[in-house]
PDB file of all heavy atoms in Angstrom:
ATOM      1  N   VAL A   1     148.105 -29.211 234.674  1.00  0.00           N
ATOM      2  CA  VAL A   1     146.696 -29.140 235.058  1.00  0.00           C
ATOM      3  C   VAL A   1     145.864 -29.850 233.998  1.00  0.00           C
ATOM      4  O   VAL A   1     146.119 -29.715 232.792  1.00  0.00           O
ATOM      5  CB  VAL A   1     146.247 -27.667 235.186  1.00  0.00           C
ATOM      6  CG1 VAL A   1     144.750 -27.583 235.466  1.00  0.00           C
ATOM      7  CG2 VAL A   1     147.038 -26.972 236.282  1.00  0.00           C
ATOM      8  N   GLY A   2     144.905 -30.613 234.443  1.00  0.00           N
ATOM      9  CA  GLY A   2     144.031 -31.309 233.501  1.00  0.00           C
ATOM     10  C   GLY A   2     142.698 -31.617 234.141  1.00  0.00           C
ATOM     11  O   GLY A   2     142.289 -30.963 235.102  1.00  0.00           O
ATOM     12  N   TYR A   3     142.018 -32.621 233.599  1.00  0.00           N
ATOM     13  CA  TYR A   3     140.751 -33.039 234.187  1.00  0.00           C
ATOM     14  C   TYR A   3     140.715 -34.563 234.251  1.00  0.00           C
ATOM     15  O   TYR A   3     141.451 -35.251 233.540  1.00  0.00           O
ATOM     16  CB  TYR A   3     139.549 -32.471 233.429  1.00  0.00           C
ATOM     17  CG  TYR A   3     139.517 -32.759 231.951  1.00  0.00           C
ATOM     18  CD1 TYR A   3     139.176 -34.021 231.472  1.00  0.00           C
ATOM     19  CD2 TYR A   3     139.788 -31.764 231.019  1.00  0.00           C
ATOM     20  CE1 TYR A   3     139.129 -34.300 230.118  1.00  0.00           C
ATOM     21  CE2 TYR A   3     139.739 -32.013 229.655  1.00  0.00           C
ATOM     22  CZ  TYR A   3     139.412 -33.284 229.213  1.00  0.00           C
ATOM     23  OH  TYR A   3     139.367 -33.556 227.863  1.00  0.00           O
ATOM     24  N   VAL A   4     139.877 -35.080 235.130  1.00  0.00           N
ATOM     25  CA  VAL A   4     139.827 -36.521 235.377  1.00  0.00           C
ATOM     26  C   VAL A   4     138.462 -37.092 235.046  1.00  0.00           C
ATOM     27  O   VAL A   4     137.462 -36.373 234.972  1.00  0.00           O
ATOM     28  CB  VAL A   4     140.159 -36.860 236.854  1.00  0.00           C
ATOM     29  CG1 VAL A   4     141.549 -36.409 237.223  1.00  0.00           C
ATOM     30  CG2 VAL A   4     139.118 -36.269 237.796  1.00  0.00           C
ATOM     31  N   ASN A   5     138.474 -38.415 234.872  1.00  0.00           N
ATOM     32  CA  ASN A   5     137.236 -39.187 234.821  1.00  0.00           C
ATOM     33  C   ASN A   5     137.542 -40.546 235.430  1.00  0.00           C
ATOM     34  O   ASN A   5     138.139 -41.407 234.786  1.00  0.00           O
ATOM     35  CB  ASN A   5     136.725 -39.351 233.395  1.00  0.00           C
ATOM     36  CG  ASN A   5     135.347 -39.990 233.364  1.00  0.00           C
ATOM     37  OD1 ASN A   5     134.912 -40.606 234.327  1.00  0.00           O
ATOM     38  ND2 ASN A   5     134.652 -39.844 232.248  1.00  0.00           N
ATOM     39  N   PRO A   6     137.192 -40.752 236.706  1.00  0.00           N
ATOM     40  CA  PRO A   6     137.544 -41.998 237.399  1.00  0.00           C
ATOM     41  C   PRO A   6     136.914 -43.241 236.784  1.00  0.00           C
ATOM     42  O   PRO A   6     137.353 -44.354 237.074  1.00  0.00           O
ATOM     43  CB  PRO A   6     137.044 -41.767 238.827  1.00  0.00           C
ATOM     44  CG  PRO A   6     136.033 -40.676 238.726  1.00  0.00           C
ATOM     45  CD  PRO A   6     136.463 -39.812 237.576  1.00  0.00           C
ATOM     46  N   ALA A   7     135.916 -43.067 235.903  1.00  0.00           N
ATOM     47  CA  ALA A   7     135.260 -44.216 235.275  1.00  0.00           C
ATOM     48  C   ALA A   7     135.896 -44.600 233.952  1.00  0.00           C
ATOM     49  O   ALA A   7     135.479 -45.576 233.320  1.00  0.00           O
ATOM     50  CB  ALA A   7     133.780 -43.920 235.076  1.00  0.00           C
ATOM     51  N   SER A   8     136.907 -43.848 233.514  1.00  0.00           N
ATOM     52  CA  SER A   8     137.489 -44.059 232.196  1.00  0.00           C
ATOM     53  C   SER A   8     138.877 -44.683 232.298  1.00  0.00           C
ATOM     54  O   SER A   8     139.625 -44.442 233.250  1.00  0.00           O
ATOM     55  CB  SER A   8     137.582 -42.726 231.451  1.00  0.00           C
ATOM     56  OG  SER A   8     138.299 -42.875 230.229  1.00  0.00           O
ATOM     57  N   LEU A   9     139.231 -45.501 231.288  1.00  0.00           N
ATOM     58  CA  LEU A   9     140.581 -46.061 231.225  1.00  0.00           C
ATOM     59  C   LEU A   9     141.614 -44.943 231.140  1.00  0.00           C
ATOM     60  O   LEU A   9     142.678 -45.013 231.765  1.00  0.00           O
ATOM     61  CB  LEU A   9     140.718 -46.995 230.023  1.00  0.00           C
ATOM     62  CG  LEU A   9     142.107 -47.588 229.773  1.00  0.00           C
ATOM     63  CD1 LEU A   9     142.551 -48.465 230.936  1.00  0.00           C
ATOM     64  CD2 LEU A   9     142.127 -48.379 228.467  1.00  0.00           C
ATOM     65  N   ILE A  10     141.303 -43.905 230.343  1.00  0.00           N
ATOM     66  CA  ILE A  10     142.143 -42.702 230.336  1.00  0.00           C
ATOM     67  C   ILE A  10     141.658 -41.866 231.513  1.00  0.00           C
ATOM     68  O   ILE A  10     140.674 -41.142 231.419  1.00  0.00           O
ATOM     69  CB  ILE A  10     142.031 -41.934 229.010  1.00  0.00           C
ATOM     70  CG1 ILE A  10     142.398 -42.834 227.837  1.00  0.00           C
ATOM     71  CG2 ILE A  10     142.948 -40.702 229.032  1.00  0.00           C
ATOM     72  CD1 ILE A  10     142.204 -42.179 226.474  1.00  0.00           C
ATOM     73  N   LEU A  11     142.365 -41.988 232.614  1.00  0.00           N
ATOM     74  CA  LEU A  11     141.914 -41.381 233.862  1.00  0.00           C
ATOM     75  C   LEU A  11     141.960 -39.864 233.820  1.00  0.00           C
ATOM     76  O   LEU A  11     141.054 -39.184 234.319  1.00  0.00           O
ATOM     77  CB  LEU A  11     142.782 -41.897 235.018  1.00  0.00           C
ATOM     78  CG  LEU A  11     142.577 -41.247 236.380  1.00  0.00           C
ATOM     79  CD1 LEU A  11     141.166 -41.504 236.898  1.00  0.00           C
ATOM     80  CD2 LEU A  11     143.621 -41.761 237.378  1.00  0.00           C
ATOM     81  N   ALA A  12     143.025 -39.321 233.235  1.00  0.00           N
ATOM     82  CA  ALA A  12     143.177 -37.863 233.206  1.00  0.00           C
ATOM     83  C   ALA A  12     143.799 -37.439 231.897  1.00  0.00           C
ATOM     84  O   ALA A  12     144.528 -38.203 231.250  1.00  0.00           O
ATOM     85  CB  ALA A  12     144.034 -37.392 234.369  1.00  0.00           C
ATOM     86  N   ARG A  13     143.509 -36.208 231.510  1.00  0.00           N
ATOM     87  CA  ARG A  13     144.101 -35.607 230.309  1.00  0.00           C
ATOM     88  C   ARG A  13     144.723 -34.278 230.712  1.00  0.00           C
ATOM     89  O   ARG A  13     144.048 -33.423 231.291  1.00  0.00           O
ATOM     90  CB  ARG A  13     143.032 -35.423 229.226  1.00  0.00           C
ATOM     91  CG  ARG A  13     142.433 -36.763 228.802  1.00  0.00           C
ATOM     92  CD  ARG A  13     141.281 -36.595 227.825  1.00  0.00           C
ATOM     93  NE  ARG A  13     140.490 -37.812 227.759  1.00  0.00           N
ATOM     94  CZ  ARG A  13     140.430 -38.628 226.700  1.00  0.00           C
ATOM     95  NH1 ARG A  13     141.130 -38.335 225.615  1.00  0.00           N
ATOM     96  NH2 ARG A  13     139.688 -39.720 226.721  1.00  0.00           N
ATOM     97  N   VAL A  14     146.001 -34.133 230.379  1.00  0.00           N
ATOM     98  CA  VAL A  14     146.720 -32.910 230.703  1.00  0.00           C
ATOM     99  C   VAL A  14     146.332 -31.834 229.686  1.00  0.00           C
ATOM    100  O   VAL A  14     146.446 -32.033 228.475  1.00  0.00           O
ATOM    101  CB  VAL A  14     148.244 -33.131 230.658  1.00  0.00           C
ATOM    102  CG1 VAL A  14     148.980 -31.843 231.005  1.00  0.00           C
ATOM    103  CG2 VAL A  14     148.648 -34.246 231.615  1.00  0.00           C
ATOM    104  N   CYS A  15     145.882 -30.710 230.179  1.00  0.00           N
ATOM    105  CA  CYS A  15     145.490 -29.604 229.299  1.00  0.00           C
ATOM    106  C   CYS A  15     146.561 -28.527 229.217  1.00  0.00           C
ATOM    107  O   CYS A  15     146.694 -27.845 228.207  1.00  0.00           O
ATOM    108  CB  CYS A  15     144.181 -28.988 229.775  1.00  0.00           C
ATOM    109  SG  CYS A  15     142.770 -30.106 229.639  1.00  0.00           S
ATOM    110  N   ASP A  16     147.319 -28.369 230.288  1.00  0.00           N
ATOM    111  CA  ASP A  16     148.348 -27.329 230.316  1.00  0.00           C
ATOM    112  C   ASP A  16     149.478 -27.774 231.228  1.00  0.00           C
ATOM    113  O   ASP A  16     149.248 -28.218 232.351  1.00  0.00           O
ATOM    114  CB  ASP A  16     147.757 -26.005 230.826  1.00  0.00           C
ATOM    115  CG  ASP A  16     148.561 -24.794 230.386  1.00  0.00           C
ATOM    116  OD1 ASP A  16     149.775 -24.765 230.677  1.00  0.00           O
ATOM    117  OD2 ASP A  16     147.985 -23.887 229.767  1.00  0.00           O
ATOM    118  N   LYS A  17     150.720 -27.655 230.736  1.00  0.00           N
ATOM    119  CA  LYS A  17     151.892 -28.047 231.529  1.00  0.00           C
ATOM    120  C   LYS A  17     152.156 -27.075 232.680  1.00  0.00           C
ATOM    121  O   LYS A  17     152.851 -27.404 233.634  1.00  0.00           O
ATOM    122  CB  LYS A  17     153.127 -28.121 230.626  1.00  0.00           C
ATOM    123  CG  LYS A  17     153.054 -29.195 229.556  1.00  0.00           C
ATOM    124  CD  LYS A  17     153.085 -30.581 230.159  1.00  0.00           C
ATOM    125  CE  LYS A  17     153.137 -31.650 229.076  1.00  0.00           C
ATOM    126  NZ  LYS A  17     153.174 -33.008 229.632  1.00  0.00           N
ATOM    127  N   ASN A  18     151.619 -25.881 232.573  1.00  0.00           N
ATOM    128  CA  ASN A  18     151.803 -24.875 233.621  1.00  0.00           C
ATOM    129  C   ASN A  18     150.926 -25.234 234.831  1.00  0.00           C
ATOM    130  O   ASN A  18     149.699 -25.227 234.728  1.00  0.00           O
ATOM    131  CB  ASN A  18     151.435 -23.497 233.093  1.00  0.00           C
ATOM    132  CG  ASN A  18     151.615 -22.396 234.118  1.00  0.00           C
ATOM    133  OD1 ASN A  18     152.002 -22.640 235.267  1.00  0.00           O
ATOM    134  ND2 ASN A  18     151.319 -21.174 233.728  1.00  0.00           N
ATOM    135  N   PRO A  19     151.536 -25.551 235.967  1.00  0.00           N
ATOM    136  CA  PRO A  19     150.725 -25.954 237.128  1.00  0.00           C
ATOM    137  C   PRO A  19     149.847 -24.836 237.671  1.00  0.00           C
ATOM    138  O   PRO A  19     148.941 -25.096 238.466  1.00  0.00           O
ATOM    139  CB  PRO A  19     151.780 -26.368 238.160  1.00  0.00           C
ATOM    140  CG  PRO A  19     153.022 -25.634 237.758  1.00  0.00           C
ATOM    141  CD  PRO A  19     152.972 -25.551 236.265  1.00  0.00           C
ATOM    142  N   LYS A  20     150.083 -23.599 237.225  1.00  0.00           N
ATOM    143  CA  LYS A  20     149.271 -22.472 237.675  1.00  0.00           C
ATOM    144  C   LYS A  20     148.173 -22.112 236.672  1.00  0.00           C
ATOM    145  O   LYS A  20     147.433 -21.151 236.878  1.00  0.00           O
ATOM    146  CB  LYS A  20     150.160 -21.253 237.938  1.00  0.00           C
ATOM    147  CG  LYS A  20     151.167 -21.465 239.068  1.00  0.00           C
ATOM    148  CD  LYS A  20     151.988 -20.208 239.313  1.00  0.00           C
ATOM    149  CE  LYS A  20     152.990 -20.421 240.453  1.00  0.00           C
ATOM    150  NZ  LYS A  20     153.805 -19.206 240.693  1.00  0.00           N
ATOM    151  N   ALA A  21     148.087 -22.859 235.603  1.00  0.00           N
ATOM    152  CA  ALA A  21     147.078 -22.562 234.579  1.00  0.00           C
ATOM    153  C   ALA A  21     145.671 -22.739 235.142  1.00  0.00           C
ATOM    154  O   ALA A  21     145.414 -23.598 235.983  1.00  0.00           O
ATOM    155  CB  ALA A  21     147.270 -23.475 233.376  1.00  0.00           C
ATOM    156  N   VAL A  22     144.780 -21.897 234.665  1.00  0.00           N
ATOM    157  CA  VAL A  22     143.366 -21.986 235.047  1.00  0.00           C
ATOM    158  C   VAL A  22     142.571 -22.316 233.791  1.00  0.00           C
ATOM    159  O   VAL A  22     142.574 -21.544 232.822  1.00  0.00           O
ATOM    160  CB  VAL A  22     142.878 -20.658 235.670  1.00  0.00           C
ATOM    161  CG1 VAL A  22     141.403 -20.788 236.049  1.00  0.00           C
ATOM    162  CG2 VAL A  22     143.720 -20.291 236.876  1.00  0.00           C
ATOM    163  N   LEU A  23     141.902 -23.447 233.793  1.00  0.00           N
ATOM    164  CA  LEU A  23     141.171 -23.895 232.611  1.00  0.00           C
ATOM    165  C   LEU A  23     139.799 -23.232 232.580  1.00  0.00           C
ATOM    166  O   LEU A  23     138.787 -23.823 232.947  1.00  0.00           O
ATOM    167  CB  LEU A  23     141.052 -25.419 232.627  1.00  0.00           C
ATOM    168  CG  LEU A  23     142.362 -26.202 232.790  1.00  0.00           C
ATOM    169  CD1 LEU A  23     142.096 -27.693 232.700  1.00  0.00           C
ATOM    170  CD2 LEU A  23     143.396 -25.757 231.773  1.00  0.00           C
ATOM    171  N   ASN A  24     139.788 -21.998 232.097  1.00  0.00           N
ATOM    172  CA  ASN A  24     138.549 -21.233 232.047  1.00  0.00           C
ATOM    173  C   ASN A  24     138.343 -20.685 230.637  1.00  0.00           C
ATOM    174  O   ASN A  24     139.000 -21.108 229.684  1.00  0.00           O
ATOM    175  CB  ASN A  24     138.586 -20.099 233.082  1.00  0.00           C
ATOM    176  CG  ASN A  24     139.796 -19.183 232.883  1.00  0.00           C
ATOM    177  OD1 ASN A  24     140.453 -19.196 231.845  1.00  0.00           O
ATOM    178  ND2 ASN A  24     140.099 -18.385 233.899  1.00  0.00           N
ATOM    179  N   ARG A  25     137.435 -19.733 230.509  1.00  0.00           N
ATOM    180  CA  ARG A  25     137.110 -19.181 229.201  1.00  0.00           C
ATOM    181  C   ARG A  25     138.332 -18.534 228.549  1.00  0.00           C
ATOM    182  O   ARG A  25     138.555 -18.690 227.337  1.00  0.00           O
ATOM    183  CB  ARG A  25     135.972 -18.156 229.332  1.00  0.00           C
ATOM    184  CG  ARG A  25     135.480 -17.640 227.998  1.00  0.00           C
ATOM    185  CD  ARG A  25     134.521 -16.464 228.166  1.00  0.00           C
ATOM    186  NE  ARG A  25     133.988 -16.052 226.884  1.00  0.00           N
ATOM    187  CZ  ARG A  25     134.655 -15.356 225.973  1.00  0.00           C
ATOM    188  NH1 ARG A  25     135.917 -15.003 226.194  1.00  0.00           N
ATOM    189  NH2 ARG A  25     134.080 -15.021 224.823  1.00  0.00           N
ATOM    190  N   ASP A  26     139.110 -17.787 229.318  1.00  0.00           N
ATOM    191  CA  ASP A  26     140.292 -17.126 228.746  1.00  0.00           C
ATOM    192  C   ASP A  26     141.295 -18.149 228.220  1.00  0.00           C
ATOM    193  O   ASP A  26     141.915 -17.950 227.166  1.00  0.00           O
ATOM    194  CB  ASP A  26     140.958 -16.231 229.795  1.00  0.00           C
ATOM    195  CG  ASP A  26     140.128 -15.007 230.132  1.00  0.00           C
ATOM    196  OD1 ASP A  26     139.266 -14.629 229.306  1.00  0.00           O
ATOM    197  OD2 ASP A  26     140.333 -14.426 231.212  1.00  0.00           O
ATOM    198  N   TRP A  27     141.466 -19.234 228.969  1.00  0.00           N
ATOM    199  CA  TRP A  27     142.377 -20.294 228.528  1.00  0.00           C
ATOM    200  C   TRP A  27     141.871 -20.915 227.225  1.00  0.00           C
ATOM    201  O   TRP A  27     142.652 -21.121 226.283  1.00  0.00           O
ATOM    202  CB  TRP A  27     142.476 -21.357 229.620  1.00  0.00           C
ATOM    203  CG  TRP A  27     143.366 -22.505 229.250  1.00  0.00           C
ATOM    204  CD1 TRP A  27     144.719 -22.580 229.394  1.00  0.00           C
ATOM    205  CD2 TRP A  27     142.948 -23.754 228.681  1.00  0.00           C
ATOM    206  NE1 TRP A  27     145.175 -23.802 228.931  1.00  0.00           N
ATOM    207  CE2 TRP A  27     144.107 -24.533 228.496  1.00  0.00           C
ATOM    208  CE3 TRP A  27     141.712 -24.279 228.305  1.00  0.00           C
ATOM    209  CZ2 TRP A  27     144.067 -25.819 227.948  1.00  0.00           C
ATOM    210  CZ3 TRP A  27     141.670 -25.550 227.764  1.00  0.00           C
ATOM    211  CH2 TRP A  27     142.835 -26.309 227.589  1.00  0.00           C
ATOM    212  N   LEU A  28     140.583 -21.208 227.167  1.00  0.00           N
ATOM    213  CA  LEU A  28     140.001 -21.769 225.948  1.00  0.00           C
ATOM    214  C   LEU A  28     140.163 -20.820 224.764  1.00  0.00           C
ATOM    215  O   LEU A  28     140.493 -21.247 223.653  1.00  0.00           O
ATOM    216  CB  LEU A  28     138.513 -22.063 226.162  1.00  0.00           C
ATOM    217  CG  LEU A  28     138.155 -23.346 226.907  1.00  0.00           C
ATOM    218  CD1 LEU A  28     136.684 -23.318 227.299  1.00  0.00           C
ATOM    219  CD2 LEU A  28     138.462 -24.574 226.058  1.00  0.00           C
ATOM    220  N   ARG A  29     139.944 -19.538 225.014  1.00  0.00           N
ATOM    221  CA  ARG A  29     140.044 -18.576 223.921  1.00  0.00           C
ATOM    222  C   ARG A  29     141.448 -18.546 223.336  1.00  0.00           C
ATOM    223  O   ARG A  29     141.624 -18.496 222.125  1.00  0.00           O
ATOM    224  CB  ARG A  29     139.650 -17.167 224.405  1.00  0.00           C
ATOM    225  CG  ARG A  29     139.516 -16.174 223.259  1.00  0.00           C
ATOM    226  CD  ARG A  29     139.260 -14.750 223.733  1.00  0.00           C
ATOM    227  NE  ARG A  29     138.904 -13.887 222.627  1.00  0.00           N
ATOM    228  CZ  ARG A  29     139.765 -13.436 221.717  1.00  0.00           C
ATOM    229  NH1 ARG A  29     141.052 -13.777 221.795  1.00  0.00           N
ATOM    230  NH2 ARG A  29     139.358 -12.671 220.725  1.00  0.00           N
ATOM    231  N   GLU A  30     142.452 -18.600 224.190  1.00  0.00           N
ATOM    232  CA  GLU A  30     143.834 -18.589 223.699  1.00  0.00           C
ATOM    233  C   GLU A  30     144.125 -19.823 222.854  1.00  0.00           C
ATOM    234  O   GLU A  30     144.693 -19.724 221.751  1.00  0.00           O
ATOM    235  CB  GLU A  30     144.811 -18.519 224.878  1.00  0.00           C
ATOM    236  CG  GLU A  30     146.272 -18.513 224.429  1.00  0.00           C
ATOM    237  CD  GLU A  30     147.234 -18.574 225.595  1.00  0.00           C
ATOM    238  OE1 GLU A  30     146.800 -18.853 226.732  1.00  0.00           O
ATOM    239  OE2 GLU A  30     148.446 -18.370 225.373  1.00  0.00           O
ATOM    240  N   ARG A  31     143.730 -20.985 223.351  1.00  0.00           N
ATOM    241  CA  ARG A  31     144.018 -22.229 222.633  1.00  0.00           C
ATOM    242  C   ARG A  31     143.245 -22.316 221.311  1.00  0.00           C
ATOM    243  O   ARG A  31     143.784 -22.714 220.276  1.00  0.00           O
ATOM    244  CB  ARG A  31     143.682 -23.435 223.517  1.00  0.00           C
ATOM    245  CG  ARG A  31     144.655 -23.637 224.670  1.00  0.00           C
ATOM    246  CD  ARG A  31     146.017 -24.120 224.162  1.00  0.00           C
ATOM    247  NE  ARG A  31     147.009 -24.115 225.210  1.00  0.00           N
ATOM    248  CZ  ARG A  31     147.261 -25.134 226.026  1.00  0.00           C
ATOM    249  NH1 ARG A  31     146.561 -26.255 225.911  1.00  0.00           N
ATOM    250  NH2 ARG A  31     148.203 -25.042 226.938  1.00  0.00           N
ATOM    251  N   ILE A  32     141.962 -21.972 221.344  1.00  0.00           N
ATOM    252  CA  ILE A  32     141.155 -22.057 220.125  1.00  0.00           C
ATOM    253  C   ILE A  32     141.617 -21.014 219.114  1.00  0.00           C
ATOM    254  O   ILE A  32     141.630 -21.260 217.897  1.00  0.00           O
ATOM    255  CB  ILE A  32     139.654 -21.922 220.452  1.00  0.00           C
ATOM    256  CG1 ILE A  32     139.199 -23.110 221.320  1.00  0.00           C
ATOM    257  CG2 ILE A  32     138.823 -21.859 219.179  1.00  0.00           C
ATOM    258  CD1 ILE A  32     137.765 -23.029 221.799  1.00  0.00           C
ATOM    259  N   SER A  33     142.037 -19.858 219.586  1.00  0.00           N
ATOM    260  CA  SER A  33     142.583 -18.830 218.687  1.00  0.00           C
ATOM    261  C   SER A  33     143.840 -19.339 217.989  1.00  0.00           C
ATOM    262  O   SER A  33     144.047 -19.094 216.793  1.00  0.00           O
ATOM    263  CB  SER A  33     142.903 -17.551 219.462  1.00  0.00           C
ATOM    264  OG  SER A  33     141.729 -16.958 219.967  1.00  0.00           O
ATOM    265  N   GLN A  34     144.694 -20.038 218.724  1.00  0.00           N
ATOM    266  CA  GLN A  34     145.903 -20.603 218.120  1.00  0.00           C
ATOM    267  C   GLN A  34     145.544 -21.635 217.054  1.00  0.00           C
ATOM    268  O   GLN A  34     146.166 -21.692 215.987  1.00  0.00           O
ATOM    269  CB  GLN A  34     146.778 -21.239 219.209  1.00  0.00           C
ATOM    270  CG  GLN A  34     147.418 -20.237 220.142  1.00  0.00           C
ATOM    271  CD  GLN A  34     148.102 -20.903 221.331  1.00  0.00           C
ATOM    272  OE1 GLN A  34     147.988 -22.110 221.533  1.00  0.00           O
ATOM    273  NE2 GLN A  34     148.805 -20.109 222.125  1.00  0.00           N
ATOM    274  N   ALA A  35     144.546 -22.448 217.346  1.00  0.00           N
ATOM    275  CA  ALA A  35     144.104 -23.449 216.373  1.00  0.00           C
ATOM    276  C   ALA A  35     143.548 -22.782 215.119  1.00  0.00           C
ATOM    277  O   ALA A  35     143.859 -23.187 213.988  1.00  0.00           O
ATOM    278  CB  ALA A  35     143.041 -24.353 217.011  1.00  0.00           C
ATOM    279  N   LEU A  36     142.738 -21.760 215.305  1.00  0.00           N
ATOM    280  CA  LEU A  36     142.164 -21.038 214.173  1.00  0.00           C
ATOM    281  C   LEU A  36     143.255 -20.388 213.326  1.00  0.00           C
ATOM    282  O   LEU A  36     143.209 -20.423 212.085  1.00  0.00           O
ATOM    283  CB  LEU A  36     141.183 -19.984 214.679  1.00  0.00           C
ATOM    284  CG  LEU A  36     140.538 -19.078 213.625  1.00  0.00           C
ATOM    285  CD1 LEU A  36     139.750 -19.896 212.616  1.00  0.00           C
ATOM    286  CD2 LEU A  36     139.641 -18.044 214.303  1.00  0.00           C
ATOM    287  N   SER A  37     144.254 -19.806 213.966  1.00  0.00           N
ATOM    288  CA  SER A  37     145.354 -19.160 213.248  1.00  0.00           C
ATOM    289  C   SER A  37     146.086 -20.144 212.344  1.00  0.00           C
ATOM    290  O   SER A  37     146.458 -19.808 211.214  1.00  0.00           O
ATOM    291  CB  SER A  37     146.326 -18.536 214.253  1.00  0.00           C
ATOM    292  OG  SER A  37     147.471 -18.014 213.599  1.00  0.00           O
ATOM    293  N   LEU A  38     146.286 -21.374 212.821  1.00  0.00           N
ATOM    294  CA  LEU A  38     146.948 -22.386 212.001  1.00  0.00           C
ATOM    295  C   LEU A  38     146.147 -22.666 210.736  1.00  0.00           C
ATOM    296  O   LEU A  38     146.699 -22.725 209.628  1.00  0.00           O
ATOM    297  CB  LEU A  38     147.123 -23.672 212.807  1.00  0.00           C
ATOM    298  CG  LEU A  38     147.697 -24.864 212.040  1.00  0.00           C
ATOM    299  CD1 LEU A  38     149.138 -24.602 211.617  1.00  0.00           C
ATOM    300  CD2 LEU A  38     147.610 -26.143 212.868  1.00  0.00           C
ATOM    301  N   ARG A  39     144.843 -22.826 210.885  1.00  0.00           N
ATOM    302  CA  ARG A  39     144.003 -23.122 209.706  1.00  0.00           C
ATOM    303  C   ARG A  39     144.001 -21.966 208.718  1.00  0.00           C
ATOM    304  O   ARG A  39     144.061 -22.168 207.507  1.00  0.00           O
ATOM    305  CB  ARG A  39     142.573 -23.424 210.143  1.00  0.00           C
ATOM    306  CG  ARG A  39     142.365 -24.866 210.609  1.00  0.00           C
ATOM    307  CD  ARG A  39     143.154 -25.186 211.834  1.00  0.00           C
ATOM    308  NE  ARG A  39     142.916 -26.544 212.322  1.00  0.00           N
ATOM    309  CZ  ARG A  39     143.459 -27.018 213.413  1.00  0.00           C
ATOM    310  NH1 ARG A  39     144.257 -26.251 214.166  1.00  0.00           N
ATOM    311  NH2 ARG A  39     143.251 -28.254 213.793  1.00  0.00           N
TER     312      ARG A  39
END
């Protein structure tokens, strides 16, 4: 699952390999929390 921009050379960016993933606040919180933990 990702997002698109038909006007861009990079047409789409994959955000999650899980085809059932929902790119919402909960998804963002998990990813940003993982990033914060690394730092």
